[in-house]
């Protein structure tokens, strides 16, 4: 009798251990347990820790509440300004209602993935290329709203959506590179022009100051010589003032009255003071005419004795020394009759 009782007690204990091992469940901190009894949702969601279910009657489904990082495959589309691009993104979401995530949707991960791809294509078609490249925050917010709207009924909350990369065709990349280069060149030219304008204003002020104080120009010339000699002491570049050149040019030019007298052959100076020419008509064989001495016209002196310009006569109009007087030929005697 005792042996039968011991056997029954051992069998009952073994059955209890088997039952307890089949009914005991452990829910982790980042999970929630959803119990289905005979196929129907039963009770509240089980919290983390140790819990017990009815074996062969209840089924416990554990739902992960951690944030899920889901990459969205690259989607190819045409932007609003007719540019073909490929855009990929990443979605961060988590389950906030474990029972709805199991009951309302078959596979919430697959549903979120498909919704993200569809929303990404829609965003590409509604946006310009410049928005995809520069204003991504606004597009990310719009994409998050588009995915989060249907996901609310699935017990899923979209935490964040980010556009990772925008792939452009090679032709578009080259066009954008040329545009950026042209814009940089334009800005460089504007900066150079502004610098030239400022420099010209400063130079104008300096020139005005030097015009008021002529000695300042000489001091500046000396400073330039010192600077050049310090760098290249074997070569010295000496700037020549333009005003001095103009002064020398005015000094080298004959007076205006003298030029008119030389150009007028009827005047005494033009008649007596013209430059002597050689046999070929050149002026002294190619040499420049001398202005300090006038060459007399010997032909006129031979035929016109009154044209004597020697000293003491007072009838000559030449400006140089008196030329040698050539006697006129004696008249021929009449033939004897």
C-alpha atoms as a PDB file:
ATOM      1  CA  UNK A   1       0.000   0.000   0.000  1.00  0.00           C
ATOM      2  CA  UNK A   2       2.763   2.396   0.917  1.00  0.00           C
ATOM      3  CA  UNK A   3       4.600   1.570  -2.239  1.00  0.00           C
ATOM      4  CA  UNK A   4       1.525   2.374  -4.288  1.00  0.00           C
ATOM      5  CA  UNK A   5       1.171   5.732  -2.533  1.00  0.00           C
ATOM      6  CA  UNK A   6       4.809   6.564  -3.134  1.00  0.00           C
ATOM      7  CA  UNK A   7       4.476   5.646  -6.776  1.00  0.00           C
ATOM      8  CA  UNK A   8       1.399   7.809  -7.163  1.00  0.00           C
ATOM      9  CA  UNK A   9       3.107  10.725  -5.439  1.00  0.00           C
ATOM     10  CA  UNK A  10       6.134  10.454  -7.686  1.00  0.00           C
ATOM     11  CA  UNK A  11       3.910  10.265 -10.751  1.00  0.00           C
ATOM     12  CA  UNK A  12       1.925  13.285  -9.589  1.00  0.00           C
ATOM     13  CA  UNK A  13       5.087  15.250  -8.938  1.00  0.00           C
ATOM     14  CA  UNK A  14       6.491  14.351 -12.323  1.00  0.00           C
ATOM     15  CA  UNK A  15       3.229  15.362 -13.976  1.00  0.00           C
ATOM     16  CA  UNK A  16       3.292  18.651 -12.070  1.00  0.00           C
ATOM     17  CA  UNK A  17       6.865  19.317 -13.153  1.00  0.00           C
ATOM     18  CA  UNK A  18       5.996  18.560 -16.759  1.00  0.00           C
ATOM     19  CA  UNK A  19       2.916  20.763 -16.555  1.00  0.00           C
ATOM     20  CA  UNK A  20       4.838  23.588 -14.932  1.00  0.00           C
ATOM     21  CA  UNK A  21       7.600  23.397 -17.481  1.00  0.00           C
ATOM     22  CA  UNK A  22       5.035  23.496 -20.264  1.00  0.00           C
ATOM     23  CA  UNK A  23       3.058  26.373 -18.719  1.00  0.00           C
ATOM     24  CA  UNK A  24       5.919  28.575 -17.551  1.00  0.00           C
ATOM     25  CA  UNK A  25       7.105  31.417 -19.793  1.00  0.00           C
ATOM     26  CA  UNK A  26       9.641  34.205 -19.374  1.00  0.00           C
ATOM     27  CA  UNK A  27       9.110  37.561 -21.100  1.00  0.00           C
ATOM     28  CA  UNK A  28      12.227  39.717 -21.508  1.00  0.00           C
ATOM     29  CA  UNK A  29      12.424  43.380 -20.660  1.00  0.00           C
ATOM     30  CA  UNK A  30      12.258  44.575 -24.298  1.00  0.00           C
ATOM     31  CA  UNK A  31       9.389  42.216 -25.150  1.00  0.00           C
ATOM     32  CA  UNK A  32       5.677  41.968 -24.537  1.00  0.00           C
ATOM     33  CA  UNK A  33       3.646  38.767 -24.454  1.00  0.00           C
ATOM     34  CA  UNK A  34       0.320  38.384 -26.262  1.00  0.00           C
ATOM     35  CA  UNK A  35      -1.740  35.333 -25.276  1.00  0.00           C
ATOM     36  CA  UNK A  36      -4.197  33.610 -27.619  1.00  0.00           C
ATOM     37  CA  UNK A  37      -6.500  31.080 -25.959  1.00  0.00           C
ATOM     38  CA  UNK A  38      -8.052  28.718 -28.434  1.00  0.00           C
ATOM     39  CA  UNK A  39      -7.307  31.271 -31.177  1.00  0.00           C
ATOM     40  CA  UNK A  40      -8.811  34.287 -29.432  1.00  0.00           C
ATOM     41  CA  UNK A  41      -6.984  37.206 -27.863  1.00  0.00           C
ATOM     42  CA  UNK A  42      -7.002  36.558 -24.139  1.00  0.00           C
ATOM     43  CA  UNK A  43      -6.425  38.991 -21.351  1.00  0.00           C
ATOM     44  CA  UNK A  44      -3.957  41.808 -21.207  1.00  0.00           C
ATOM     45  CA  UNK A  45      -0.555  41.938 -22.719  1.00  0.00           C
ATOM     46  CA  UNK A  46       1.902  40.087 -20.484  1.00  0.00           C
ATOM     47  CA  UNK A  47       4.559  42.305 -18.996  1.00  0.00           C
ATOM     48  CA  UNK A  48       8.249  41.386 -18.703  1.00  0.00           C
ATOM     49  CA  UNK A  49       9.072  38.659 -16.199  1.00  0.00           C
ATOM     50  CA  UNK A  50       7.766  35.171 -15.322  1.00  0.00           C
ATOM     51  CA  UNK A  51       4.270  34.242 -16.538  1.00  0.00           C
ATOM     52  CA  UNK A  52       2.213  31.071 -16.789  1.00  0.00           C
ATOM     53  CA  UNK A  53      -0.163  29.913 -19.505  1.00  0.00           C
ATOM     54  CA  UNK A  54      -2.386  26.879 -19.902  1.00  0.00           C
ATOM     55  CA  UNK A  55      -0.462  24.277 -21.888  1.00  0.00           C
ATOM     56  CA  UNK A  56      -2.022  23.046 -25.105  1.00  0.00           C
ATOM     57  CA  UNK A  57      -4.724  25.731 -24.732  1.00  0.00           C
ATOM     58  CA  UNK A  58      -2.906  29.055 -24.679  1.00  0.00           C
ATOM     59  CA  UNK A  59      -0.240  30.288 -27.085  1.00  0.00           C
ATOM     60  CA  UNK A  60       2.086  33.099 -26.105  1.00  0.00           C
ATOM     61  CA  UNK A  61       3.532  35.369 -28.837  1.00  0.00           C
ATOM     62  CA  UNK A  62       6.402  37.640 -27.896  1.00  0.00           C
ATOM     63  CA  UNK A  63       6.664  40.992 -29.670  1.00  0.00           C
ATOM     64  CA  UNK A  64       9.929  42.956 -29.729  1.00  0.00           C
ATOM     65  CA  UNK A  65       9.546  46.610 -28.759  1.00  0.00           C
ATOM     66  CA  UNK A  66      13.049  47.687 -29.714  1.00  0.00           C
ATOM     67  CA  UNK A  67      13.583  50.237 -32.467  1.00  0.00           C
ATOM     68  CA  UNK A  68      14.008  48.489 -35.803  1.00  0.00           C
ATOM     69  CA  UNK A  69      16.386  49.856 -38.422  1.00  0.00           C
ATOM     70  CA  UNK A  70      15.054  49.002 -41.865  1.00  0.00           C
ATOM     71  CA  UNK A  71      16.914  50.041 -45.030  1.00  0.00           C
ATOM     72  CA  UNK A  72      14.707  51.037 -47.925  1.00  0.00           C
ATOM     73  CA  UNK A  73      15.946  49.739 -51.288  1.00  0.00           C
ATOM     74  CA  UNK A  74      17.031  52.362 -53.800  1.00  0.00           C
ATOM     75  CA  UNK A  75      14.084  53.672 -55.787  1.00  0.00           C
ATOM     76  CA  UNK A  76      14.481  55.149 -59.262  1.00  0.00           C
ATOM     77  CA  UNK A  77      12.173  57.943 -60.307  1.00  0.00           C
ATOM     78  CA  UNK A  78      11.837  61.196 -62.202  1.00  0.00           C
ATOM     79  CA  UNK A  79      11.766  64.433 -60.277  1.00  0.00           C
ATOM     80  CA  UNK A  80       9.403  67.302 -60.949  1.00  0.00           C
ATOM     81  CA  UNK A  81      12.051  69.020 -63.092  1.00  0.00           C
ATOM     82  CA  UNK A  82      12.461  65.858 -65.252  1.00  0.00           C
ATOM     83  CA  UNK A  83      15.709  64.486 -63.822  1.00  0.00           C
ATOM     84  CA  UNK A  84      16.154  60.731 -63.370  1.00  0.00           C
ATOM     85  CA  UNK A  85      17.531  59.888 -59.912  1.00  0.00           C
ATOM     86  CA  UNK A  86      17.982  56.900 -57.633  1.00  0.00           C
ATOM     87  CA  UNK A  87      17.258  57.506 -53.957  1.00  0.00           C
ATOM     88  CA  UNK A  88      17.624  55.153 -51.013  1.00  0.00           C
ATOM     89  CA  UNK A  89      16.604  55.751 -47.418  1.00  0.00           C
ATOM     90  CA  UNK A  90      16.431  54.180 -43.976  1.00  0.00           C
ATOM     91  CA  UNK A  91      13.441  53.917 -41.637  1.00  0.00           C
ATOM     92  CA  UNK A  92      13.551  53.720 -37.834  1.00  0.00           C
ATOM     93  CA  UNK A  93      10.354  52.415 -36.208  1.00  0.00           C
ATOM     94  CA  UNK A  94       9.142  50.498 -33.179  1.00  0.00           C
ATOM     95  CA  UNK A  95       6.052  48.650 -31.993  1.00  0.00           C
ATOM     96  CA  UNK A  96       3.972  50.505 -29.432  1.00  0.00           C
ATOM     97  CA  UNK A  97       0.943  48.183 -29.378  1.00  0.00           C
ATOM     98  CA  UNK A  98       1.919  44.527 -29.410  1.00  0.00           C
ATOM     99  CA  UNK A  99      -1.633  43.215 -29.758  1.00  0.00           C
ATOM    100  CA  UNK A 100      -2.408  45.477 -32.768  1.00  0.00           C
ATOM    101  CA  UNK A 101       0.876  44.556 -34.428  1.00  0.00           C
ATOM    102  CA  UNK A 102      -0.137  40.888 -34.312  1.00  0.00           C
ATOM    103  CA  UNK A 103      -3.881  41.172 -34.968  1.00  0.00           C
ATOM    104  CA  UNK A 104      -4.255  44.098 -37.403  1.00  0.00           C
ATOM    105  CA  UNK A 105      -1.492  43.241 -39.867  1.00  0.00           C
ATOM    106  CA  UNK A 106      -0.023  39.985 -41.046  1.00  0.00           C
ATOM    107  CA  UNK A 107       3.634  41.068 -41.073  1.00  0.00           C
ATOM    108  CA  UNK A 108       4.221  44.579 -39.836  1.00  0.00           C
ATOM    109  CA  UNK A 109       7.866  44.597 -40.943  1.00  0.00           C
ATOM    110  CA  UNK A 110       6.989  43.790 -44.540  1.00  0.00           C
ATOM    111  CA  UNK A 111       4.110  46.280 -44.460  1.00  0.00           C
ATOM    112  CA  UNK A 112       6.351  49.098 -43.229  1.00  0.00           C
ATOM    113  CA  UNK A 113       8.969  48.267 -45.856  1.00  0.00           C
ATOM    114  CA  UNK A 114       6.488  48.402 -48.734  1.00  0.00           C
ATOM    115  CA  UNK A 115       4.912  51.597 -47.447  1.00  0.00           C
ATOM    116  CA  UNK A 116       8.364  53.213 -47.180  1.00  0.00           C
ATOM    117  CA  UNK A 117       9.235  52.323 -50.782  1.00  0.00           C
ATOM    118  CA  UNK A 118       5.931  53.663 -52.094  1.00  0.00           C
ATOM    119  CA  UNK A 119       6.230  56.887 -50.123  1.00  0.00           C
ATOM    120  CA  UNK A 120       9.803  57.367 -51.307  1.00  0.00           C
ATOM    121  CA  UNK A 121       8.736  57.129 -54.957  1.00  0.00           C
ATOM    122  CA  UNK A 122       5.957  59.614 -54.304  1.00  0.00           C
ATOM    123  CA  UNK A 123       8.369  62.057 -52.650  1.00  0.00           C
ATOM    124  CA  UNK A 124      10.763  61.806 -55.614  1.00  0.00           C
ATOM    125  CA  UNK A 125       8.009  62.671 -58.083  1.00  0.00           C
ATOM    126  CA  UNK A 126       6.825  65.666 -56.065  1.00  0.00           C
ATOM    127  CA  UNK A 127      10.236  67.215 -55.410  1.00  0.00           C
ATOM    128  CA  UNK A 128      12.833  69.051 -57.454  1.00  0.00           C
ATOM    129  CA  UNK A 129      16.429  67.971 -57.759  1.00  0.00           C
ATOM    130  CA  UNK A 130      17.623  70.938 -55.708  1.00  0.00           C
ATOM    131  CA  UNK A 131      15.296  69.931 -52.868  1.00  0.00           C
ATOM    132  CA  UNK A 132      16.634  66.371 -52.884  1.00  0.00           C
ATOM    133  CA  UNK A 133      20.192  67.659 -52.667  1.00  0.00           C
ATOM    134  CA  UNK A 134      19.891  70.605 -50.293  1.00  0.00           C
ATOM    135  CA  UNK A 135      16.548  70.511 -48.422  1.00  0.00           C
ATOM    136  CA  UNK A 136      16.524  66.956 -47.120  1.00  0.00           C
ATOM    137  CA  UNK A 137      15.129  67.789 -43.693  1.00  0.00           C
ATOM    138  CA  UNK A 138      11.845  68.888 -45.188  1.00  0.00           C
ATOM    139  CA  UNK A 139      11.667  65.776 -47.371  1.00  0.00           C
ATOM    140  CA  UNK A 140      12.460  63.551 -44.399  1.00  0.00           C
ATOM    141  CA  UNK A 141       9.596  65.042 -42.431  1.00  0.00           C
ATOM    142  CA  UNK A 142       7.193  64.623 -45.328  1.00  0.00           C
ATOM    143  CA  UNK A 143       8.292  61.035 -45.848  1.00  0.00           C
ATOM    144  CA  UNK A 144       7.869  60.297 -42.143  1.00  0.00           C
ATOM    145  CA  UNK A 145       4.291  61.614 -42.177  1.00  0.00           C
ATOM    146  CA  UNK A 146       3.416  59.567 -45.248  1.00  0.00           C
ATOM    147  CA  UNK A 147       4.639  56.330 -43.645  1.00  0.00           C
ATOM    148  CA  UNK A 148       3.350  57.037 -40.153  1.00  0.00           C
ATOM    149  CA  UNK A 149      -0.261  57.654 -41.193  1.00  0.00           C
ATOM    150  CA  UNK A 150      -1.160  54.024 -42.050  1.00  0.00           C
ATOM    151  CA  UNK A 151       1.288  52.583 -39.535  1.00  0.00           C
ATOM    152  CA  UNK A 152      -0.684  53.984 -36.607  1.00  0.00           C
ATOM    153  CA  UNK A 153      -3.380  51.320 -37.090  1.00  0.00           C
ATOM    154  CA  UNK A 154      -0.748  48.603 -37.134  1.00  0.00           C
ATOM    155  CA  UNK A 155       0.517  49.461 -33.657  1.00  0.00           C
ATOM    156  CA  UNK A 156       3.755  50.761 -35.154  1.00  0.00           C
ATOM    157  CA  UNK A 157       5.283  54.184 -34.590  1.00  0.00           C
ATOM    158  CA  UNK A 158       7.688  55.648 -37.123  1.00  0.00           C
ATOM    159  CA  UNK A 159      10.545  57.162 -35.165  1.00  0.00           C
ATOM    160  CA  UNK A 160      12.624  58.668 -37.986  1.00  0.00           C
ATOM    161  CA  UNK A 161      13.146  58.522 -41.737  1.00  0.00           C
ATOM    162  CA  UNK A 162      16.391  59.581 -43.431  1.00  0.00           C
ATOM    163  CA  UNK A 163      17.314  59.832 -47.117  1.00  0.00           C
ATOM    164  CA  UNK A 164      20.770  58.312 -47.412  1.00  0.00           C
ATOM    165  CA  UNK A 165      21.993  58.867 -50.953  1.00  0.00           C
ATOM    166  CA  UNK A 166      20.876  60.448 -54.215  1.00  0.00           C
ATOM    167  CA  UNK A 167      22.469  58.949 -57.338  1.00  0.00           C
ATOM    168  CA  UNK A 168      22.556  61.106 -60.469  1.00  0.00           C
ATOM    169  CA  UNK A 169      23.413  60.223 -64.087  1.00  0.00           C
ATOM    170  CA  UNK A 170      26.925  61.028 -65.270  1.00  0.00           C
ATOM    171  CA  UNK A 171      25.686  63.659 -67.718  1.00  0.00           C
ATOM    172  CA  UNK A 172      23.859  65.461 -64.940  1.00  0.00           C
ATOM    173  CA  UNK A 173      26.956  65.346 -62.731  1.00  0.00           C
ATOM    174  CA  UNK A 174      29.048  66.937 -65.469  1.00  0.00           C
ATOM    175  CA  UNK A 175      26.420  69.630 -66.034  1.00  0.00           C
ATOM    176  CA  UNK A 176      26.279  70.435 -62.340  1.00  0.00           C
ATOM    177  CA  UNK A 177      30.077  70.564 -62.181  1.00  0.00           C
ATOM    178  CA  UNK A 178      30.172  73.061 -65.058  1.00  0.00           C
ATOM    179  CA  UNK A 179      27.473  75.146 -63.396  1.00  0.00           C
ATOM    180  CA  UNK A 180      29.354  75.207 -60.104  1.00  0.00           C
ATOM    181  CA  UNK A 181      32.596  76.123 -61.878  1.00  0.00           C
ATOM    182  CA  UNK A 182      30.899  78.961 -63.747  1.00  0.00           C
ATOM    183  CA  UNK A 183      29.376  80.264 -60.526  1.00  0.00           C
ATOM    184  CA  UNK A 184      32.761  80.216 -58.772  1.00  0.00           C
ATOM    185  CA  UNK A 185      34.364  82.016 -61.708  1.00  0.00           C
ATOM    186  CA  UNK A 186      31.611  84.635 -61.639  1.00  0.00           C
ATOM    187  CA  UNK A 187      32.153  85.255 -57.944  1.00  0.00           C
ATOM    188  CA  UNK A 188      35.917  85.464 -58.467  1.00  0.00           C
ATOM    189  CA  UNK A 189      35.479  88.058 -61.198  1.00  0.00           C
ATOM    190  CA  UNK A 190      33.118  90.097 -59.030  1.00  0.00           C
ATOM    191  CA  UNK A 191      35.615  90.036 -56.173  1.00  0.00           C
ATOM    192  CA  UNK A 192      38.463  91.059 -58.495  1.00  0.00           C
ATOM    193  CA  UNK A 193      36.382  93.884 -59.958  1.00  0.00           C
ATOM    194  CA  UNK A 194      35.501  95.109 -56.483  1.00  0.00           C
ATOM    195  CA  UNK A 195      39.173  95.014 -55.513  1.00  0.00           C
ATOM    196  CA  UNK A 196      40.135  96.970 -58.634  1.00  0.00           C
ATOM    197  CA  UNK A 197      37.464  99.557 -57.867  1.00  0.00           C
ATOM    198  CA  UNK A 198      38.706 100.041 -54.330  1.00  0.00           C
ATOM    199  CA  UNK A 199      42.323 100.192 -55.511  1.00  0.00           C
ATOM    200  CA  UNK A 200      41.475 102.787 -58.165  1.00  0.00           C
ATOM    201  CA  UNK A 201      39.775 104.958 -55.570  1.00  0.00           C
ATOM    202  CA  UNK A 202      42.798 104.792 -53.294  1.00  0.00           C
ATOM    203  CA  UNK A 203      45.138 105.536 -56.200  1.00  0.00           C
ATOM    204  CA  UNK A 204      43.005 108.515 -57.190  1.00  0.00           C
ATOM    205  CA  UNK A 205      43.212 109.855 -53.644  1.00  0.00           C
ATOM    206  CA  UNK A 206      46.986 109.316 -53.638  1.00  0.00           C
ATOM    207  CA  UNK A 207      47.354 111.080 -56.989  1.00  0.00           C
ATOM    208  CA  UNK A 208      45.322 114.015 -55.721  1.00  0.00           C
ATOM    209  CA  UNK A 209      47.495 114.231 -52.638  1.00  0.00           C
ATOM    210  CA  UNK A 210      50.687 114.121 -54.734  1.00  0.00           C
ATOM    211  CA  UNK A 211      49.312 116.775 -57.062  1.00  0.00           C
ATOM    212  CA  UNK A 212      48.761 119.064 -54.085  1.00  0.00           C
ATOM    213  CA  UNK A 213      52.248 118.284 -52.746  1.00  0.00           C
ATOM    214  CA  UNK A 214      54.741 117.775 -55.624  1.00  0.00           C
ATOM    215  CA  UNK A 215      57.534 116.729 -53.276  1.00  0.00           C
ATOM    216  CA  UNK A 216      55.522 113.653 -52.322  1.00  0.00           C
ATOM    217  CA  UNK A 217      56.035 112.238 -55.821  1.00  0.00           C
ATOM    218  CA  UNK A 218      59.794 112.543 -55.449  1.00  0.00           C
ATOM    219  CA  UNK A 219      59.681 110.860 -52.042  1.00  0.00           C
ATOM    220  CA  UNK A 220      57.618 108.060 -53.482  1.00  0.00           C
ATOM    221  CA  UNK A 221      60.162 107.640 -56.271  1.00  0.00           C
ATOM    222  CA  UNK A 222      62.966 107.358 -53.738  1.00  0.00           C
ATOM    223  CA  UNK A 223      61.008 104.759 -51.774  1.00  0.00           C
ATOM    224  CA  UNK A 224      60.513 102.721 -54.935  1.00  0.00           C
ATOM    225  CA  UNK A 225      64.231 102.831 -55.680  1.00  0.00           C
ATOM    226  CA  UNK A 226      65.040 101.673 -52.142  1.00  0.00           C
ATOM    227  CA  UNK A 227      62.561  98.795 -52.375  1.00  0.00           C
ATOM    228  CA  UNK A 228      63.880  97.623 -55.740  1.00  0.00           C
ATOM    229  CA  UNK A 229      67.524  97.890 -54.714  1.00  0.00           C
ATOM    230  CA  UNK A 230      66.855  95.853 -51.569  1.00  0.00           C
ATOM    231  CA  UNK A 231      65.382  92.911 -53.509  1.00  0.00           C
ATOM    232  CA  UNK A 232      67.528  92.978 -56.670  1.00  0.00           C
ATOM    233  CA  UNK A 233      70.665  94.948 -55.977  1.00  0.00           C
ATOM    234  CA  UNK A 234      72.219  93.979 -59.329  1.00  0.00           C
ATOM    235  CA  UNK A 235      69.382  95.463 -61.375  1.00  0.00           C
ATOM    236  CA  UNK A 236      67.862  98.843 -60.684  1.00  0.00           C
ATOM    237  CA  UNK A 237      64.697  99.962 -62.400  1.00  0.00           C
ATOM    238  CA  UNK A 238      64.351 103.730 -62.243  1.00  0.00           C
ATOM    239  CA  UNK A 239      60.903 105.083 -63.062  1.00  0.00           C
ATOM    240  CA  UNK A 240      61.049 108.241 -65.160  1.00  0.00           C
ATOM    241  CA  UNK A 241      58.422 110.905 -64.427  1.00  0.00           C
ATOM    242  CA  UNK A 242      56.129 111.563 -67.344  1.00  0.00           C
ATOM    243  CA  UNK A 243      56.082 115.279 -66.558  1.00  0.00           C
ATOM    244  CA  UNK A 244      59.841 115.498 -67.208  1.00  0.00           C
ATOM    245  CA  UNK A 245      59.448 113.788 -70.559  1.00  0.00           C
ATOM    246  CA  UNK A 246      56.773 116.257 -71.558  1.00  0.00           C
ATOM    247  CA  UNK A 247      59.005 119.164 -70.487  1.00  0.00           C
ATOM    248  CA  UNK A 248      61.894 117.899 -72.635  1.00  0.00           C
ATOM    249  CA  UNK A 249      59.559 117.381 -75.567  1.00  0.00           C
ATOM    250  CA  UNK A 250      58.294 120.958 -75.351  1.00  0.00           C
ATOM    251  CA  UNK A 251      61.864 122.263 -75.091  1.00  0.00           C
ATOM    252  CA  UNK A 252      62.962 120.354 -78.208  1.00  0.00           C
ATOM    253  CA  UNK A 253      60.171 121.775 -80.361  1.00  0.00           C
ATOM    254  CA  UNK A 254      61.019 125.097 -82.261  1.00  0.00           C
ATOM    255  CA  UNK A 255      58.851 128.157 -81.685  1.00  0.00           C
ATOM    256  CA  UNK A 256      55.655 128.409 -83.649  1.00  0.00           C
ATOM    257  CA  UNK A 257      56.743 131.616 -85.469  1.00  0.00           C
ATOM    258  CA  UNK A 258      59.997 130.017 -86.601  1.00  0.00           C
ATOM    259  CA  UNK A 259      58.158 126.962 -87.979  1.00  0.00           C
ATOM    260  CA  UNK A 260      55.830 129.158 -90.033  1.00  0.00           C
ATOM    261  CA  UNK A 261      58.783 131.154 -91.419  1.00  0.00           C
ATOM    262  CA  UNK A 262      60.576 127.975 -92.464  1.00  0.00           C
ATOM    263  CA  UNK A 263      57.474 126.526 -94.085  1.00  0.00           C
ATOM    264  CA  UNK A 264      56.746 129.759 -96.114  1.00  0.00           C
ATOM    265  CA  UNK A 265      59.128 129.972 -99.136  1.00  0.00           C
ATOM    266  CA  UNK A 266      58.152 133.628 -99.804  1.00  0.00           C
ATOM    267  CA  UNK A 267      59.478 134.814 -96.451  1.00  0.00           C
ATOM    268  CA  UNK A 268      63.111 135.915 -96.111  1.00  0.00           C
ATOM    269  CA  UNK A 269      63.808 133.181 -93.594  1.00  0.00           C
ATOM    270  CA  UNK A 270      62.315 130.608 -95.920  1.00  0.00           C
ATOM    271  CA  UNK A 271      64.250 132.029 -98.857  1.00  0.00           C
ATOM    272  CA  UNK A 272      67.608 132.469 -97.207  1.00  0.00           C
ATOM    273  CA  UNK A 273      67.410 130.110 -94.291  1.00  0.00           C
ATOM    274  CA  UNK A 274      66.147 126.945 -96.014  1.00  0.00           C
ATOM    275  CA  UNK A 275      68.080 123.766 -95.431  1.00  0.00           C
ATOM    276  CA  UNK A 276      70.699 122.877 -98.026  1.00  0.00           C
ATOM    277  CA  UNK A 277      70.059 119.769-100.084  1.00  0.00           C
ATOM    278  CA  UNK A 278      72.422 117.471-101.880  1.00  0.00           C
ATOM    279  CA  UNK A 279      72.361 116.552-105.556  1.00  0.00           C
ATOM    280  CA  UNK A 280      69.657 113.954-105.055  1.00  0.00           C
ATOM    281  CA  UNK A 281      67.343 116.313-103.200  1.00  0.00           C
ATOM    282  CA  UNK A 282      68.101 114.909 -99.734  1.00  0.00           C
ATOM    283  CA  UNK A 283      68.790 117.174 -96.798  1.00  0.00           C
ATOM    284  CA  UNK A 284      72.576 117.013 -96.288  1.00  0.00           C
ATOM    285  CA  UNK A 285      72.723 113.399 -97.396  1.00  0.00           C
ATOM    286  CA  UNK A 286      70.124 112.214 -94.921  1.00  0.00           C
ATOM    287  CA  UNK A 287      71.350 114.228 -91.931  1.00  0.00           C
ATOM    288  CA  UNK A 288      68.875 116.479 -90.099  1.00  0.00           C
ATOM    289  CA  UNK A 289      69.025 120.174 -91.027  1.00  0.00           C
ATOM    290  CA  UNK A 290      70.999 122.492 -88.861  1.00  0.00           C
ATOM    291  CA  UNK A 291      69.198 125.434 -87.385  1.00  0.00           C
ATOM    292  CA  UNK A 292      72.239 127.385 -86.111  1.00  0.00           C
ATOM    293  CA  UNK A 293      73.623 128.253 -89.536  1.00  0.00           C
ATOM    294  CA  UNK A 294      71.845 129.107 -92.769  1.00  0.00           C
ATOM    295  CA  UNK A 295      73.325 128.194 -96.139  1.00  0.00           C
ATOM    296  CA  UNK A 296      73.030 131.076 -98.687  1.00  0.00           C
ATOM    297  CA  UNK A 297      71.567 130.742-102.106  1.00  0.00           C
ATOM    298  CA  UNK A 298      74.635 131.268-104.312  1.00  0.00           C
ATOM    299  CA  UNK A 299      72.605 131.368-107.521  1.00  0.00           C
ATOM    300  CA  UNK A 300      70.554 134.280-106.273  1.00  0.00           C
ATOM    301  CA  UNK A 301      73.644 136.082-105.017  1.00  0.00           C
ATOM    302  CA  UNK A 302      75.278 135.761-108.420  1.00  0.00           C
ATOM    303  CA  UNK A 303      72.351 137.283-110.284  1.00  0.00           C
ATOM    304  CA  UNK A 304      71.227 139.780-107.630  1.00  0.00           C
ATOM    305  CA  UNK A 305      74.015 141.884-106.182  1.00  0.00           C
ATOM    306  CA  UNK A 306      71.563 143.635-103.912  1.00  0.00           C
ATOM    307  CA  UNK A 307      71.063 140.398-102.020  1.00  0.00           C
ATOM    308  CA  UNK A 308      74.350 140.761-100.237  1.00  0.00           C
ATOM    309  CA  UNK A 309      73.969 139.805 -96.629  1.00  0.00           C
ATOM    310  CA  UNK A 310      77.538 140.380 -95.583  1.00  0.00           C
ATOM    311  CA  UNK A 311      78.373 142.296 -92.455  1.00  0.00           C
ATOM    312  CA  UNK A 312      78.200 146.051 -92.683  1.00  0.00           C
ATOM    313  CA  UNK A 313      75.732 146.190 -95.535  1.00  0.00           C
ATOM    314  CA  UNK A 314      72.597 146.096 -93.381  1.00  0.00           C
ATOM    315  CA  UNK A 315      70.521 144.628 -96.185  1.00  0.00           C
ATOM    316  CA  UNK A 316      70.712 140.940 -95.438  1.00  0.00           C
ATOM    317  CA  UNK A 317      67.967 139.141 -93.638  1.00  0.00           C
ATOM    318  CA  UNK A 318      69.799 135.908 -92.871  1.00  0.00           C
ATOM    319  CA  UNK A 319      70.240 134.895 -89.291  1.00  0.00           C
ATOM    320  CA  UNK A 320      73.677 133.258 -89.651  1.00  0.00           C
ATOM    321  CA  UNK A 321      77.107 134.585 -90.584  1.00  0.00           C
ATOM    322  CA  UNK A 322      77.458 136.299 -93.984  1.00  0.00           C
ATOM    323  CA  UNK A 323      78.296 133.944 -96.836  1.00  0.00           C
ATOM    324  CA  UNK A 324      81.182 134.564 -99.206  1.00  0.00           C
ATOM    325  CA  UNK A 325      80.226 137.010-101.972  1.00  0.00           C
ATOM    326  CA  UNK A 326      80.572 135.673-105.476  1.00  0.00           C
ATOM    327  CA  UNK A 327      81.304 138.427-108.121  1.00  0.00           C
ATOM    328  CA  UNK A 328      78.924 138.724-110.986  1.00  0.00           C
ATOM    329  CA  UNK A 329      80.280 137.914-114.471  1.00  0.00           C
ATOM    330  CA  UNK A 330      81.332 140.929-116.618  1.00  0.00           C
ATOM    331  CA  UNK A 331      79.035 141.869-119.513  1.00  0.00           C
ATOM    332  CA  UNK A 332      80.185 140.775-122.947  1.00  0.00           C
ATOM    333  CA  UNK A 333      81.716 143.528-125.202  1.00  0.00           C
ATOM    334  CA  UNK A 334      79.822 144.311-128.406  1.00  0.00           C
ATOM    335  CA  UNK A 335      81.337 142.921-131.610  1.00  0.00           C
ATOM    336  CA  UNK A 336      83.481 145.236-133.754  1.00  0.00           C
ATOM    337  CA  UNK A 337      81.816 146.649-136.763  1.00  0.00           C
END
